[in-house]
Amino acid sequence: MWRWYLVHTKPFGEASAQSNLQRQGYEVYFPRVIQAVRRRHRWREEIGPLFPRYLFLNLDEGRQSLKPAHSTTGVVTIVRFGSNYAIIPDSIIAQLQMRADSVSGLHRLAGHSSLAPGTLVKVVAGPFEGLGGVFECEKGNDRALVLLKLLGHEARVQVPVHAVVPAKCAA
């Protein structure tokens, strides 16, 4: 009977644990996410774990043992609740796999801006950095439409959604 288990890994050890578990014949699912992060005052897209320090291990209980997984390089432990291992339902893994990009296998978090139309905002990155404006709406997952005052005229510009913050937070 196939079951999914939750594996707790060492810090930044998910990829190492994944490759070592796969080398031992285990099926492993390591969901990763692409997200915008700010490094040295610039926004970049980076790939990281969807669940830091965790991955999923699929085990055929009648044919495979969990014992070798416990001592695999990169693995801290197999998650338990009391004396019982945490079993992840197949439906959860299937939903995670369905939500990943079909080509790259990566997850992408939706922008879901907390800004309401009409909110005063400040641009904190990019060519319009430091300018204030009015948030109008999101354009897709990663762009925002902002009304800025440029050279005495109002202009609608699209900027990365992560480059816009409420005006009161932009100190």
Protein backbone atom coordinates (compact mmCIF):
# COMPACT_ATOMS: atom_id res chain seq x y z
CA MET A 1 0.00 0.00 0.00
CA TRP A 2 1.47 3.34 -1.07
CA ARG A 3 1.47 6.17 1.47
CA TRP A 4 2.91 9.67 1.57
CA TYR A 5 5.01 10.65 4.58
CA LEU A 6 6.25 14.08 5.62
CA VAL A 7 10.04 14.40 5.87
CA HIS A 8 11.67 17.13 7.98
CA THR A 9 15.04 18.14 6.52
CA LYS A 10 18.08 20.06 7.67
CA PRO A 11 18.07 23.81 6.99
CA PHE A 12 18.49 24.34 3.24
CA GLY A 13 18.84 20.56 2.92
CA GLU A 14 15.71 19.75 0.94
CA ALA A 15 17.48 19.18 -2.39
CA SER A 16 20.21 17.06 -0.76
CA ALA A 17 17.63 14.95 1.07
CA GLN A 18 15.62 14.57 -2.13
CA SER A 19 18.53 13.32 -4.21
CA ASN A 20 19.77 10.97 -1.46
CA LEU A 21 16.29 9.51 -0.91
CA GLN A 22 15.77 9.04 -4.65
CA ARG A 23 19.17 7.33 -4.90
CA GLN A 24 17.84 4.79 -2.36
CA GLY A 25 14.78 4.08 -4.52
CA TYR A 26 12.19 6.24 -2.77
CA GLU A 27 9.70 8.39 -4.65
CA VAL A 28 10.03 11.99 -3.42
CA TYR A 29 7.96 15.10 -4.09
CA PHE A 30 9.71 18.39 -3.36
CA PRO A 31 7.36 21.27 -4.27
CA ARG A 32 9.21 24.47 -5.14
CA VAL A 33 7.98 28.01 -5.69
CA ILE A 34 9.22 30.89 -7.81
CA GLN A 35 8.80 34.20 -6.02
CA ALA A 36 10.01 37.76 -6.06
CA VAL A 37 12.59 38.58 -3.41
CA ARG A 38 14.49 41.76 -2.72
CA ARG A 39 18.27 41.48 -2.67
CA ARG A 40 20.55 44.52 -2.47
CA HIS A 41 17.69 46.94 -3.25
CA ARG A 42 16.67 44.99 -6.38
CA TRP A 43 13.78 42.62 -6.96
CA ARG A 44 14.62 39.24 -8.47
CA GLU A 45 12.75 36.02 -9.00
CA GLU A 46 14.21 33.11 -7.07
CA ILE A 47 13.26 29.48 -6.75
CA GLY A 48 12.86 28.12 -3.25
CA PRO A 49 10.97 25.43 -1.36
CA LEU A 50 7.20 25.83 -1.11
CA PHE A 51 7.46 24.32 2.40
CA PRO A 52 10.93 25.17 3.76
CA ARG A 53 12.60 22.18 5.45
CA TYR A 54 9.91 19.71 4.32
CA LEU A 55 9.36 17.30 1.46
CA PHE A 56 7.11 14.32 0.83
CA LEU A 57 8.15 10.67 0.57
CA ASN A 58 5.96 8.04 -1.10
CA LEU A 59 6.51 4.58 0.33
CA ASP A 60 5.20 1.16 -0.64
CA GLU A 61 4.62 -0.09 2.91
CA GLY A 62 4.72 -3.78 2.04
CA ARG A 63 8.00 -3.56 0.12
CA GLN A 64 9.98 -0.62 1.49
CA SER A 65 11.09 0.35 4.96
CA LEU A 66 11.24 3.83 6.47
CA LYS A 67 14.34 2.96 8.51
CA PRO A 68 16.92 3.89 5.83
CA ALA A 69 15.15 7.24 5.28
CA HIS A 70 15.76 8.23 8.92
CA SER A 71 19.54 8.12 8.48
CA THR A 72 19.67 9.67 5.00
CA THR A 73 21.94 12.68 4.58
CA GLY A 74 19.83 15.85 4.72
CA VAL A 75 16.97 14.24 6.66
CA VAL A 76 16.33 15.20 10.29
CA THR A 77 13.34 12.94 10.86
CA ILE A 78 10.10 11.57 9.48
CA VAL A 79 7.36 13.68 11.08
CA ARG A 80 5.31 11.97 13.78
CA PHE A 81 2.36 12.85 15.94
CA GLY A 82 3.03 10.92 19.12
CA SER A 83 4.00 7.42 18.04
CA ASN A 84 2.23 7.63 14.65
CA TYR A 85 3.84 8.90 11.48
CA ALA A 86 2.14 11.82 9.75
CA ILE A 87 0.41 10.31 6.71
CA ILE A 88 -0.43 12.82 3.96
CA PRO A 89 -3.57 11.97 1.93
CA ASP A 90 -2.99 11.27 -1.78
CA SER A 91 -5.53 13.99 -2.60
CA ILE A 92 -3.33 16.67 -0.98
CA ILE A 93 -0.28 15.64 -3.02
CA ALA A 94 -2.42 15.45 -6.19
CA GLN A 95 -3.76 18.98 -5.59
CA LEU A 96 -0.25 20.34 -5.01
CA GLN A 97 0.98 18.69 -8.21
CA MET A 98 -2.01 20.04 -10.18
CA ARG A 99 -1.35 23.60 -9.02
CA ALA A 100 2.26 23.50 -10.18
CA ASP A 101 3.21 24.78 -13.64
CA SER A 102 2.89 21.87 -16.08
CA VAL A 103 6.20 22.67 -17.82
CA SER A 104 8.55 23.75 -15.02
CA GLY A 105 6.85 22.00 -12.09
CA LEU A 106 7.18 25.21 -10.07
CA HIS A 107 4.46 26.87 -8.04
CA ARG A 108 3.82 30.58 -8.42
CA LEU A 109 2.17 32.48 -5.60
CA ALA A 110 -0.53 34.90 -6.70
CA GLY A 111 0.09 38.58 -6.09
CA HIS A 112 -3.14 39.22 -4.18
CA SER A 113 -2.38 42.80 -3.32
CA SER A 114 -3.88 44.04 -0.10
CA LEU A 115 -4.29 47.46 -1.72
CA ALA A 116 -7.75 48.75 -2.53
CA PRO A 117 -8.38 50.93 -5.57
CA GLY A 118 -7.82 54.58 -4.64
CA THR A 119 -5.17 53.84 -1.99
CA LEU A 120 -2.29 56.32 -1.84
CA VAL A 121 0.92 54.41 -2.60
CA LYS A 122 4.62 54.93 -2.99
CA VAL A 123 6.80 53.13 -5.54
CA VAL A 124 9.79 51.59 -3.71
CA ALA A 125 11.69 50.00 -6.61
CA GLY A 126 12.33 50.45 -10.31
CA PRO A 127 12.52 53.54 -12.52
CA PHE A 128 9.67 55.27 -10.65
CA GLU A 129 11.18 54.66 -7.20
CA GLY A 130 10.31 57.35 -4.69
CA LEU A 131 7.24 58.63 -6.56
CA GLY A 132 3.82 58.70 -4.94
CA GLY A 133 0.59 57.86 -6.68
CA VAL A 134 -2.80 56.22 -6.48
CA PHE A 135 -3.28 52.47 -6.81
CA GLU A 136 -5.87 51.58 -9.45
CA CYS A 137 -5.79 47.80 -9.85
CA GLU A 138 -3.68 44.69 -10.39
CA LYS A 139 -2.83 43.65 -13.94
CA GLY A 140 -2.23 39.91 -13.85
CA ASN A 141 -0.31 38.21 -11.05
CA ASP A 142 2.72 40.47 -10.91
CA ARG A 143 1.84 43.96 -12.20
CA ALA A 144 -0.06 46.90 -10.71
CA LEU A 145 -1.61 49.86 -12.48
CA VAL A 146 -0.75 53.08 -10.64
CA LEU A 147 -1.70 56.68 -11.41
CA LEU A 148 1.45 58.81 -10.99
CA LYS A 149 1.94 62.55 -11.31
CA LEU A 150 4.83 63.01 -13.78
CA LEU A 151 5.97 66.37 -15.12
CA GLY A 152 2.74 68.03 -14.05
CA HIS A 153 0.50 65.44 -15.73
CA GLU A 154 -1.14 62.32 -14.40
CA ALA A 155 -0.03 59.12 -16.12
CA ARG A 156 -1.10 55.52 -15.69
CA VAL A 157 1.93 53.26 -15.40
CA GLN A 158 2.36 49.54 -14.80
CA VAL A 159 4.89 48.60 -12.16
CA PRO A 160 5.72 45.30 -10.43
CA VAL A 161 3.12 44.71 -7.72
CA HIS A 162 5.88 44.10 -5.15
CA ALA A 163 7.31 47.58 -5.88
CA VAL A 164 4.20 49.35 -4.56
CA VAL A 165 3.48 49.90 -0.86
CA PRO A 166 0.89 52.01 0.96
CA ALA A 167 2.18 55.58 1.30
CA LYS A 168 2.15 55.45 5.12
CA CYS A 169 4.42 52.32 5.10
CA ALA A 170 7.04 53.77 2.77
CA ALA A 171 9.23 55.49 5.33
